[in-house]
Structures are given as C-alpha cells and as structure tokens.
Amino acid sequence: MVEEIYIKKICEGNADAFKYIITTYKDMAFSIASSILKDQFSAEEVVQCAFIKAYKNIKTFKHNSKFSTWFYRIVVNEAFMYLKKKKKYINITYEELDTEVLDEDQFNAIKQEEQNLLIQEGLNRLNANESLALRLFYLDEQHIKEIVVITGWSESNVKTLLHRGRKNMLAILGHLMKTNF
C-alpha cells in the first residue's frame, strides 16, 4: 500500500514524505475538527496541531489499525482538548427545537448544493459528539467499530449518539427548512 511506503520513509527521516499524509488526510481531519469545534479558525488550528503530533509520533504507529484511524483519533483528541481549554460547548437537543421533523419530500425538492449547505449547517448546530459520530459514519463511511477506535467511545455509546444525532439532525433540518424556505 502506498501509505505504508510513505510512513516508512517518514520514519527513516524523510520529512518531505509527510506531504503525502497531509494531502491525503487534511480534508477529513478538518471536517472532523469542524464537527467538534463549530469554528473554522479553531478547526484549522487543531488540524495543524494534530499533523504536528502525528509527525512527531509516527514511529509509535503500530499498524494495528488503518493509519487514518490512528490519525483521526489524534484529531479527535486534539479537538476535545481544545474545547476543554476553551470551555466551548454547544448543545442543541431535539426537545429544545420544538419543531416538526424534516419533510423529506420538501428536502429532496431543493438543489443538491442547497442540501449540502443545510446538512453542513445542521451538523454545525448539533452537539460535538453527535456531529462527529454522524460525520464519521455517513460522510467518511467508517464502520461503528472504527468509530469506537477513533473516538475511544464504547460501541453502545456510538450507536446511541448516531440514533440521537439522526433524530436531532432531522429536527434541525426541519427547523432550517421552515425558516429558510
């Protein structure tokens, strides 16, 4: 696998080989950090720190899991540490929205670009754990067991967050559709 070759080169001291890792993982790392932090500037800062930490510790990567799993775990940890330092938590629950659940026919009638914007806005309004679980499961197509490794959560916690996240996302999207369309 190409990734293994680059990891070996990095471990041997070839710093330029790390460019491959950055290019390959920067978008998803930013997406993960954004889902937790809800702020582009903070997410960029966290991703930069995560890449530095990954570079410094790449020799500790044991190949027990995919490199992406190992790296995304670093991103998640860095993002939650950042939140802890800033004490910035955003929590919206289904019950607080007091709105009807999303009308799927209405949602399907709007353009794909608008759907993507609504989904991103919905993910930004979810709490960090639900947003992260949904992003990893649906956007990055990670299996539940991979999400467990990336986040450190239990399998039942991941399933609960996915269930709550879907429910809250539908409510948020319904609210956004009602107010914007």
N, C-alpha and C. Protein backbone atom coordinates (compact mmCIF):
# COMPACT_ATOMS: atom_id res chain seq x y z
N MET A 1 0.85 -1.18 0.00
CA MET A 1 0.00 0.00 0.00
C MET A 1 0.90 1.24 0.00
N VAL A 2 0.50 2.23 -0.76
CA VAL A 2 1.28 3.46 -0.92
C VAL A 2 1.50 4.15 0.43
N GLU A 3 0.47 4.17 1.24
CA GLU A 3 0.55 4.81 2.55
C GLU A 3 1.68 4.21 3.39
N GLU A 4 1.82 2.91 3.36
CA GLU A 4 2.87 2.23 4.13
C GLU A 4 4.26 2.67 3.69
N ILE A 5 4.43 2.86 2.40
CA ILE A 5 5.72 3.30 1.86
C ILE A 5 6.07 4.69 2.42
N TYR A 6 5.09 5.58 2.40
CA TYR A 6 5.34 6.94 2.91
C TYR A 6 5.61 6.94 4.41
N ILE A 7 4.88 6.12 5.15
CA ILE A 7 5.10 6.04 6.60
C ILE A 7 6.52 5.54 6.88
N LYS A 8 6.95 4.56 6.11
CA LYS A 8 8.31 4.04 6.28
C LYS A 8 9.34 5.12 5.97
N LYS A 9 9.11 5.88 4.89
CA LYS A 9 10.03 6.96 4.53
C LYS A 9 10.10 8.03 5.62
N ILE A 10 8.94 8.37 6.19
CA ILE A 10 8.90 9.37 7.26
C ILE A 10 9.68 8.87 8.46
N CYS A 11 9.47 7.61 8.82
CA CYS A 11 10.18 7.02 9.97
C CYS A 11 11.69 6.99 9.74
N GLU A 12 12.10 6.91 8.48
CA GLU A 12 13.53 6.91 8.14
C GLU A 12 14.11 8.31 8.06
N GLY A 13 13.29 9.34 8.32
CA GLY A 13 13.79 10.70 8.36
C GLY A 13 13.47 11.56 7.15
N ASN A 14 12.69 11.06 6.20
CA ASN A 14 12.32 11.83 5.01
C ASN A 14 11.09 12.69 5.33
N ALA A 15 11.33 13.92 5.75
CA ALA A 15 10.25 14.82 6.14
C ALA A 15 9.34 15.18 4.96
N ASP A 16 9.89 15.21 3.74
CA ASP A 16 9.08 15.54 2.56
C ASP A 16 7.98 14.52 2.31
N ALA A 17 8.18 13.30 2.75
CA ALA A 17 7.17 12.25 2.55
C ALA A 17 5.89 12.55 3.32
N PHE A 18 5.99 13.38 4.34
CA PHE A 18 4.82 13.71 5.14
C PHE A 18 3.81 14.54 4.35
N LYS A 19 4.25 15.17 3.26
CA LYS A 19 3.34 15.94 2.41
C LYS A 19 2.20 15.05 1.89
N TYR A 20 2.53 13.79 1.61
CA TYR A 20 1.50 12.84 1.14
C TYR A 20 0.43 12.67 2.22
N ILE A 21 0.85 12.52 3.46
CA ILE A 21 -0.09 12.33 4.57
C ILE A 21 -0.98 13.57 4.70
N ILE A 22 -0.38 14.74 4.63
CA ILE A 22 -1.15 15.99 4.75
C ILE A 22 -2.17 16.09 3.62
N THR A 23 -1.73 15.88 2.41
CA THR A 23 -2.61 15.98 1.25
C THR A 23 -3.76 14.98 1.33
N THR A 24 -3.46 13.78 1.77
CA THR A 24 -4.46 12.71 1.83
C THR A 24 -5.50 12.93 2.92
N TYR A 25 -5.09 13.44 4.08
CA TYR A 25 -5.97 13.46 5.24
C TYR A 25 -6.45 14.84 5.69
N LYS A 26 -5.99 15.90 5.05
CA LYS A 26 -6.32 17.24 5.54
C LYS A 26 -7.82 17.55 5.49
N ASP A 27 -8.51 17.14 4.43
CA ASP A 27 -9.93 17.48 4.31
C ASP A 27 -10.78 16.80 5.37
N MET A 28 -10.57 15.50 5.55
CA MET A 28 -11.37 14.79 6.55
C MET A 28 -10.98 15.22 7.96
N ALA A 29 -9.71 15.49 8.19
CA ALA A 29 -9.28 15.97 9.50
C ALA A 29 -9.97 17.30 9.82
N PHE A 30 -10.04 18.19 8.83
CA PHE A 30 -10.71 19.47 9.02
C PHE A 30 -12.20 19.26 9.28
N SER A 31 -12.80 18.34 8.55
CA SER A 31 -14.22 18.03 8.73
C SER A 31 -14.50 17.51 10.14
N ILE A 32 -13.65 16.63 10.62
CA ILE A 32 -13.80 16.08 11.98
C ILE A 32 -13.65 17.19 13.01
N ALA A 33 -12.60 17.98 12.88
CA ALA A 33 -12.36 19.07 13.83
C ALA A 33 -13.50 20.09 13.80
N SER A 34 -13.99 20.39 12.62
CA SER A 34 -15.11 21.34 12.49
C SER A 34 -16.37 20.82 13.15
N SER A 35 -16.61 19.52 13.03
CA SER A 35 -17.81 18.96 13.64
C SER A 35 -17.78 19.07 15.15
N ILE A 36 -16.60 19.06 15.72
CA ILE A 36 -16.47 19.16 17.18
C ILE A 36 -16.44 20.62 17.62
N LEU A 37 -15.67 21.45 16.91
CA LEU A 37 -15.40 22.82 17.36
C LEU A 37 -16.39 23.86 16.85
N LYS A 38 -17.03 23.59 15.74
CA LYS A 38 -18.03 24.50 15.15
C LYS A 38 -17.43 25.85 14.74
N ASP A 39 -16.13 25.88 14.52
CA ASP A 39 -15.46 27.13 14.19
C ASP A 39 -14.29 26.82 13.25
N GLN A 40 -14.29 27.43 12.08
CA GLN A 40 -13.28 27.14 11.07
C GLN A 40 -11.87 27.46 11.54
N PHE A 41 -11.68 28.61 12.16
CA PHE A 41 -10.35 29.01 12.62
C PHE A 41 -9.81 28.02 13.65
N SER A 42 -10.65 27.67 14.62
CA SER A 42 -10.24 26.71 15.65
C SER A 42 -9.95 25.34 15.05
N ALA A 43 -10.77 24.94 14.09
CA ALA A 43 -10.58 23.64 13.44
C ALA A 43 -9.24 23.60 12.70
N GLU A 44 -8.92 24.68 12.00
CA GLU A 44 -7.63 24.75 11.30
C GLU A 44 -6.47 24.65 12.28
N GLU A 45 -6.59 25.32 13.40
CA GLU A 45 -5.54 25.29 14.42
C GLU A 45 -5.37 23.87 14.97
N VAL A 46 -6.47 23.22 15.26
CA VAL A 46 -6.44 21.86 15.80
C VAL A 46 -5.85 20.88 14.78
N VAL A 47 -6.23 21.00 13.53
CA VAL A 47 -5.71 20.10 12.49
C VAL A 47 -4.20 20.28 12.35
N GLN A 48 -3.76 21.51 12.39
CA GLN A 48 -2.32 21.78 12.31
C GLN A 48 -1.59 21.11 13.48
N CYS A 49 -2.14 21.25 14.68
CA CYS A 49 -1.54 20.61 15.86
C CYS A 49 -1.56 19.09 15.73
N ALA A 50 -2.64 18.56 15.18
CA ALA A 50 -2.76 17.10 15.00
C ALA A 50 -1.72 16.58 14.02
N PHE A 51 -1.50 17.31 12.93
CA PHE A 51 -0.47 16.89 11.97
C PHE A 51 0.92 16.93 12.61
N ILE A 52 1.18 17.94 13.38
CA ILE A 52 2.48 18.04 14.06
C ILE A 52 2.65 16.88 15.03
N LYS A 53 1.62 16.60 15.80
CA LYS A 53 1.68 15.50 16.76
C LYS A 53 1.85 14.16 16.03
N ALA A 54 1.14 13.98 14.92
CA ALA A 54 1.27 12.73 14.14
C ALA A 54 2.68 12.59 13.59
N TYR A 55 3.24 13.68 13.09
CA TYR A 55 4.59 13.63 12.54
C TYR A 55 5.61 13.25 13.63
N LYS A 56 5.48 13.89 14.78
CA LYS A 56 6.42 13.63 15.88
C LYS A 56 6.29 12.21 16.43
N ASN A 57 5.09 11.64 16.34
CA ASN A 57 4.83 10.34 16.96
C ASN A 57 4.59 9.21 15.95
N ILE A 58 4.91 9.44 14.69
CA ILE A 58 4.58 8.44 13.67
C ILE A 58 5.29 7.10 13.92
N LYS A 59 6.43 7.15 14.60
CA LYS A 59 7.14 5.90 14.90
C LYS A 59 6.37 5.04 15.90
N THR A 60 5.43 5.64 16.61
CA THR A 60 4.62 4.87 17.57
C THR A 60 3.43 4.20 16.91
N PHE A 61 3.16 4.53 15.62
CA PHE A 61 2.05 3.89 14.90
C PHE A 61 2.38 2.41 14.75
N LYS A 62 1.53 1.56 15.31
CA LYS A 62 1.82 0.13 15.38
C LYS A 62 1.22 -0.70 14.24
N HIS A 63 0.50 -0.10 13.34
CA HIS A 63 -0.12 -0.79 12.20
C HIS A 63 -1.19 -1.79 12.66
N ASN A 64 -1.74 -1.63 13.88
CA ASN A 64 -2.83 -2.48 14.35
C ASN A 64 -4.15 -2.09 13.71
N SER A 65 -4.23 -0.85 13.26
CA SER A 65 -5.41 -0.34 12.59
C SER A 65 -4.94 0.44 11.36
N LYS A 66 -5.90 0.98 10.63
CA LYS A 66 -5.53 1.81 9.49
C LYS A 66 -4.86 3.08 9.99
N PHE A 67 -3.96 3.63 9.20
CA PHE A 67 -3.31 4.89 9.59
C PHE A 67 -4.36 5.98 9.79
N SER A 68 -5.37 6.01 8.92
CA SER A 68 -6.41 7.05 9.04
C SER A 68 -7.09 6.98 10.40
N THR A 69 -7.34 5.77 10.89
CA THR A 69 -7.97 5.60 12.20
C THR A 69 -7.07 6.18 13.29
N TRP A 70 -5.80 5.86 13.23
CA TRP A 70 -4.83 6.37 14.20
C TRP A 70 -4.77 7.89 14.15
N PHE A 71 -4.68 8.44 12.95
CA PHE A 71 -4.57 9.89 12.79
C PHE A 71 -5.85 10.59 13.21
N TYR A 72 -7.02 10.07 12.81
CA TYR A 72 -8.27 10.72 13.17
C TYR A 72 -8.48 10.71 14.69
N ARG A 73 -7.95 9.70 15.35
CA ARG A 73 -8.02 9.66 16.82
C ARG A 73 -7.23 10.84 17.39
N ILE A 74 -6.09 11.13 16.80
CA ILE A 74 -5.29 12.28 17.23
C ILE A 74 -6.10 13.57 17.04
N VAL A 75 -6.75 13.71 15.88
CA VAL A 75 -7.56 14.90 15.59
C VAL A 75 -8.67 15.03 16.62
N VAL A 76 -9.38 13.95 16.89
CA VAL A 76 -10.47 13.97 17.86
C VAL A 76 -9.96 14.38 19.24
N ASN A 77 -8.87 13.78 19.67
CA ASN A 77 -8.31 14.11 20.98
C ASN A 77 -7.89 15.58 21.06
N GLU A 78 -7.24 16.06 20.03
CA GLU A 78 -6.80 17.46 19.99
C GLU A 78 -8.01 18.40 20.03
N ALA A 79 -9.05 18.06 19.29
CA ALA A 79 -10.24 18.92 19.24
C ALA A 79 -10.94 18.97 20.61
N PHE A 80 -11.08 17.82 21.25
CA PHE A 80 -11.73 17.82 22.56
C PHE A 80 -10.85 18.49 23.62
N MET A 81 -9.53 18.37 23.50
CA MET A 81 -8.65 19.09 24.43
C MET A 81 -8.80 20.60 24.22
N TYR A 82 -8.90 21.02 22.96
CA TYR A 82 -9.09 22.43 22.64
C TYR A 82 -10.40 22.93 23.25
N LEU A 83 -11.48 22.13 23.10
CA LEU A 83 -12.76 22.51 23.68
C LEU A 83 -12.67 22.64 25.19
N LYS A 84 -11.98 21.69 25.78
CA LYS A 84 -11.84 21.70 27.24
C LYS A 84 -11.14 22.98 27.70
N LYS A 85 -10.10 23.36 26.96
CA LYS A 85 -9.37 24.59 27.31
C LYS A 85 -10.25 25.82 27.14
N LYS A 86 -11.04 25.83 26.09
CA LYS A 86 -11.89 27.00 25.79
C LYS A 86 -13.25 26.93 26.47
N LYS A 87 -13.58 25.75 27.02
CA LYS A 87 -14.89 25.53 27.65
C LYS A 87 -16.01 25.99 26.74
N LYS A 88 -15.93 25.55 25.50
CA LYS A 88 -16.90 25.96 24.49
C LYS A 88 -17.73 24.76 24.07
N TYR A 89 -18.91 24.65 24.61
CA TYR A 89 -19.78 23.54 24.27
C TYR A 89 -21.08 24.09 23.70
N ILE A 90 -21.51 23.49 22.63
CA ILE A 90 -22.77 23.87 22.00
C ILE A 90 -23.67 22.64 22.07
N ASN A 91 -24.78 22.77 22.72
CA ASN A 91 -25.70 21.65 22.82
C ASN A 91 -27.08 22.07 22.38
N ILE A 92 -27.59 21.38 21.38
CA ILE A 92 -28.95 21.57 20.93
C ILE A 92 -29.58 20.19 20.94
N THR A 93 -30.74 20.07 21.55
CA THR A 93 -31.40 18.78 21.56
C THR A 93 -32.70 18.88 20.80
N TYR A 94 -33.18 17.74 20.39
CA TYR A 94 -34.43 17.64 19.65
C TYR A 94 -35.57 18.30 20.41
N GLU A 95 -35.62 18.04 21.71
CA GLU A 95 -36.70 18.56 22.52
C GLU A 95 -36.71 20.08 22.57
N GLU A 96 -35.52 20.69 22.55
CA GLU A 96 -35.41 22.15 22.64
C GLU A 96 -35.88 22.84 21.38
N LEU A 97 -35.87 22.15 20.26
CA LEU A 97 -36.20 22.79 18.99
C LEU A 97 -37.69 23.03 18.83
N ASP A 98 -38.52 22.18 19.45
CA ASP A 98 -39.95 22.33 19.39
C ASP A 98 -40.42 22.59 17.96
N THR A 99 -40.04 21.73 17.05
CA THR A 99 -40.40 21.89 15.65
C THR A 99 -40.75 20.54 15.05
N GLU A 100 -41.38 20.57 13.92
CA GLU A 100 -41.72 19.33 13.23
C GLU A 100 -40.46 18.74 12.63
N VAL A 101 -40.47 17.44 12.48
CA VAL A 101 -39.35 16.75 11.86
C VAL A 101 -39.34 17.07 10.37
N LEU A 102 -38.18 16.97 9.77
CA LEU A 102 -37.96 17.30 8.37
C LEU A 102 -38.96 16.64 7.43
N ASP A 103 -39.49 17.41 6.51
CA ASP A 103 -40.33 16.90 5.43
C ASP A 103 -39.39 16.46 4.31
N GLU A 104 -39.20 15.15 4.15
CA GLU A 104 -38.22 14.63 3.19
C GLU A 104 -38.53 15.02 1.75
N ASP A 105 -39.81 15.10 1.38
CA ASP A 105 -40.16 15.49 0.02
C ASP A 105 -39.72 16.93 -0.26
N GLN A 106 -39.93 17.79 0.71
CA GLN A 106 -39.50 19.19 0.57
C GLN A 106 -37.98 19.27 0.47
N PHE A 107 -37.29 18.48 1.31
CA PHE A 107 -35.83 18.46 1.30
C PHE A 107 -35.30 17.97 -0.04
N ASN A 108 -35.88 16.92 -0.59
CA ASN A 108 -35.44 16.36 -1.86
C ASN A 108 -35.72 17.28 -3.04
N ALA A 109 -36.65 18.21 -2.86
CA ALA A 109 -37.01 19.12 -3.94
C ALA A 109 -35.99 20.25 -4.14
N ILE A 110 -35.17 20.51 -3.14
CA ILE A 110 -34.19 21.59 -3.30
C ILE A 110 -32.92 21.06 -3.97
N LYS A 111 -32.13 21.96 -4.51
CA LYS A 111 -30.91 21.59 -5.23
C LYS A 111 -29.90 20.92 -4.31
N GLN A 112 -29.06 20.07 -4.90
CA GLN A 112 -28.05 19.34 -4.14
C GLN A 112 -27.13 20.29 -3.37
N GLU A 113 -26.77 21.40 -4.00
CA GLU A 113 -25.90 22.38 -3.35
C GLU A 113 -26.55 22.95 -2.09
N GLU A 114 -27.84 23.24 -2.19
CA GLU A 114 -28.57 23.75 -1.04
C GLU A 114 -28.72 22.68 0.04
N GLN A 115 -28.92 21.43 -0.39
CA GLN A 115 -28.99 20.32 0.56
C GLN A 115 -27.68 20.21 1.33
N ASN A 116 -26.56 20.30 0.61
CA ASN A 116 -25.25 20.21 1.26
C ASN A 116 -25.06 21.33 2.28
N LEU A 117 -25.48 22.55 1.92
CA LEU A 117 -25.36 23.68 2.85
C LEU A 117 -26.22 23.46 4.10
N LEU A 118 -27.44 22.95 3.89
CA LEU A 118 -28.31 22.67 5.03
C LEU A 118 -27.73 21.59 5.93
N ILE A 119 -27.18 20.55 5.32
CA ILE A 119 -26.57 19.46 6.10
C ILE A 119 -25.39 19.99 6.90
N GLN A 120 -24.54 20.81 6.27
CA GLN A 120 -23.40 21.38 7.00
C GLN A 120 -23.87 22.26 8.15
N GLU A 121 -24.88 23.06 7.90
CA GLU A 121 -25.42 23.91 8.96
C GLU A 121 -26.02 23.06 10.08
N GLY A 122 -26.71 21.99 9.70
CA GLY A 122 -27.27 21.08 10.70
C GLY A 122 -26.19 20.45 11.54
N LEU A 123 -25.12 19.98 10.91
CA LEU A 123 -24.00 19.39 11.64
C LEU A 123 -23.36 20.41 12.57
N ASN A 124 -23.29 21.65 12.14
CA ASN A 124 -22.72 22.70 12.98
C ASN A 124 -23.58 23.00 14.20
N ARG A 125 -24.87 22.75 14.09
CA ARG A 125 -25.77 23.04 15.21
C ARG A 125 -25.91 21.87 16.19
N LEU A 126 -25.52 20.69 15.76
CA LEU A 126 -25.55 19.53 16.66
C LEU A 126 -24.46 19.66 17.71
N ASN A 127 -24.62 18.94 18.82
CA ASN A 127 -23.53 18.95 19.78
C ASN A 127 -22.34 18.20 19.18
N ALA A 128 -21.17 18.41 19.74
CA ALA A 128 -19.92 17.91 19.15
C ALA A 128 -19.92 16.40 18.97
N ASN A 129 -20.37 15.65 19.95
CA ASN A 129 -20.33 14.19 19.86
C ASN A 129 -21.25 13.65 18.78
N GLU A 130 -22.47 14.17 18.72
CA GLU A 130 -23.42 13.72 17.70
C GLU A 130 -22.92 14.09 16.31
N SER A 131 -22.43 15.30 16.16
CA SER A 131 -21.92 15.76 14.88
C SER A 131 -20.75 14.89 14.41
N LEU A 132 -19.83 14.61 15.31
CA LEU A 132 -18.68 13.77 14.98
C LEU A 132 -19.12 12.37 14.58
N ALA A 133 -20.02 11.78 15.35
CA ALA A 133 -20.50 10.42 15.04
C ALA A 133 -21.16 10.37 13.66
N LEU A 134 -22.01 11.34 13.36
CA LEU A 134 -22.68 11.36 12.05
C LEU A 134 -21.68 11.57 10.91
N ARG A 135 -20.73 12.48 11.10
CA ARG A 135 -19.72 12.72 10.07
C ARG A 135 -18.90 11.47 9.77
N LEU A 136 -18.43 10.83 10.82
CA LEU A 136 -17.61 9.63 10.63
C LEU A 136 -18.40 8.51 9.98
N PHE A 137 -19.64 8.32 10.41
CA PHE A 137 -20.45 7.21 9.91
C PHE A 137 -20.96 7.46 8.49
N TYR A 138 -21.52 8.64 8.24
CA TYR A 138 -22.15 8.89 6.95
C TYR A 138 -21.22 9.54 5.92
N LEU A 139 -20.43 10.50 6.33
CA LEU A 139 -19.59 11.21 5.36
C LEU A 139 -18.26 10.50 5.11
N ASP A 140 -17.66 9.95 6.16
CA ASP A 140 -16.40 9.23 5.99
C ASP A 140 -16.61 7.72 5.84
N GLU A 141 -17.86 7.29 5.98
CA GLU A 141 -18.25 5.88 5.81
C GLU A 141 -17.43 4.92 6.67
N GLN A 142 -17.19 5.33 7.90
CA GLN A 142 -16.49 4.47 8.86
C GLN A 142 -17.50 3.51 9.48
N HIS A 143 -17.07 2.30 9.77
CA HIS A 143 -17.90 1.34 10.47
C HIS A 143 -17.93 1.71 11.95
N ILE A 144 -18.93 1.22 12.65
CA ILE A 144 -19.07 1.53 14.07
C ILE A 144 -17.81 1.15 14.85
N LYS A 145 -17.23 0.01 14.54
CA LYS A 145 -16.01 -0.43 15.24
C LYS A 145 -14.85 0.54 15.00
N GLU A 146 -14.75 1.10 13.80
CA GLU A 146 -13.71 2.09 13.53
C GLU A 146 -13.98 3.38 14.31
N ILE A 147 -15.24 3.77 14.40
CA ILE A 147 -15.58 4.97 15.16
C ILE A 147 -15.21 4.78 16.63
N VAL A 148 -15.41 3.56 17.15
CA VAL A 148 -15.03 3.24 18.53
C VAL A 148 -13.53 3.48 18.72
N VAL A 149 -12.73 3.03 17.76
CA VAL A 149 -11.27 3.18 17.86
C VAL A 149 -10.88 4.65 17.72
N ILE A 150 -11.48 5.35 16.77
CA ILE A 150 -11.15 6.76 16.53
C ILE A 150 -11.50 7.63 17.73
N THR A 151 -12.66 7.40 18.32
CA THR A 151 -13.16 8.28 19.38
C THR A 151 -12.84 7.81 20.79
N GLY A 152 -12.68 6.50 20.97
CA GLY A 152 -12.49 5.97 22.30
C GLY A 152 -13.80 5.73 23.03
N TRP A 153 -14.93 5.93 22.35
CA TRP A 153 -16.25 5.70 22.94
C TRP A 153 -16.57 4.21 22.87
N SER A 154 -17.51 3.76 23.69
CA SER A 154 -17.97 2.37 23.62
C SER A 154 -18.87 2.20 22.39
N GLU A 155 -19.03 0.97 21.96
CA GLU A 155 -19.89 0.70 20.80
C GLU A 155 -21.32 1.13 21.07
N SER A 156 -21.82 0.88 22.27
CA SER A 156 -23.20 1.28 22.59
C SER A 156 -23.34 2.80 22.61
N ASN A 157 -22.29 3.50 23.06
CA ASN A 157 -22.31 4.96 23.05
C ASN A 157 -22.35 5.49 21.62
N VAL A 158 -21.58 4.89 20.73
CA VAL A 158 -21.58 5.30 19.32
C VAL A 158 -22.97 5.11 18.73
N LYS A 159 -23.58 3.96 18.99
CA LYS A 159 -24.93 3.68 18.45
C LYS A 159 -25.94 4.67 19.01
N THR A 160 -25.83 4.98 20.29
CA THR A 160 -26.74 5.95 20.91
C THR A 160 -26.54 7.34 20.30
N LEU A 161 -25.29 7.74 20.12
CA LEU A 161 -25.02 9.06 19.52
C LEU A 161 -25.52 9.12 18.09
N LEU A 162 -25.37 8.05 17.33
CA LEU A 162 -25.89 8.02 15.96
C LEU A 162 -27.41 8.15 15.96
N HIS A 163 -28.07 7.42 16.87
CA HIS A 163 -29.53 7.48 16.95
C HIS A 163 -30.00 8.89 17.32
N ARG A 164 -29.43 9.44 18.40
CA ARG A 164 -29.79 10.79 18.84
C ARG A 164 -29.42 11.83 17.78
N GLY A 165 -28.23 11.64 17.18
CA GLY A 165 -27.77 12.58 16.17
C GLY A 165 -28.70 12.63 14.97
N ARG A 166 -29.15 11.46 14.51
CA ARG A 166 -30.09 11.42 13.38
C ARG A 166 -31.40 12.12 13.74
N LYS A 167 -31.89 11.83 14.94
CA LYS A 167 -33.15 12.43 15.41
C LYS A 167 -33.01 13.95 15.51
N ASN A 168 -31.94 14.40 16.13
CA ASN A 168 -31.71 15.84 16.27
C ASN A 168 -31.44 16.51 14.93
N MET A 169 -30.73 15.81 14.06
CA MET A 169 -30.44 16.36 12.73
C MET A 169 -31.73 16.56 11.94
N LEU A 170 -32.62 15.60 12.01
CA LEU A 170 -33.91 15.75 11.32
C LEU A 170 -34.68 16.95 11.86
N ALA A 171 -34.66 17.13 13.17
CA ALA A 171 -35.36 18.27 13.76
C ALA A 171 -34.70 19.59 13.34
N ILE A 172 -33.40 19.62 13.36
CA ILE A 172 -32.68 20.84 12.98
C ILE A 172 -32.94 21.15 11.51
N LEU A 173 -32.85 20.14 10.64
CA LEU A 173 -33.10 20.36 9.22
C LEU A 173 -34.55 20.81 8.99
N GLY A 174 -35.48 20.23 9.73
CA GLY A 174 -36.88 20.66 9.62
C GLY A 174 -37.03 22.12 10.01
N HIS A 175 -36.36 22.51 11.09
CA HIS A 175 -36.40 23.90 11.54
C HIS A 175 -35.75 24.82 10.49
N LEU A 176 -34.61 24.42 9.95
CA LEU A 176 -33.94 25.25 8.94
C LEU A 176 -34.79 25.36 7.68
N MET A 177 -35.40 24.28 7.28
CA MET A 177 -36.26 24.32 6.07
C MET A 177 -37.45 25.24 6.30
N LYS A 178 -38.01 25.20 7.48
CA LYS A 178 -39.18 26.00 7.83
C LYS A 178 -38.83 27.50 7.83
N THR A 179 -37.64 27.82 8.32
CA THR A 179 -37.26 29.23 8.44
C THR A 179 -36.60 29.79 7.18
N ASN A 180 -36.03 28.92 6.34
CA ASN A 180 -35.28 29.40 5.17
C ASN A 180 -36.00 29.20 3.84
N PHE A 181 -37.02 28.37 3.80
CA PHE A 181 -37.65 28.08 2.50
C PHE A 181 -39.14 28.27 2.56
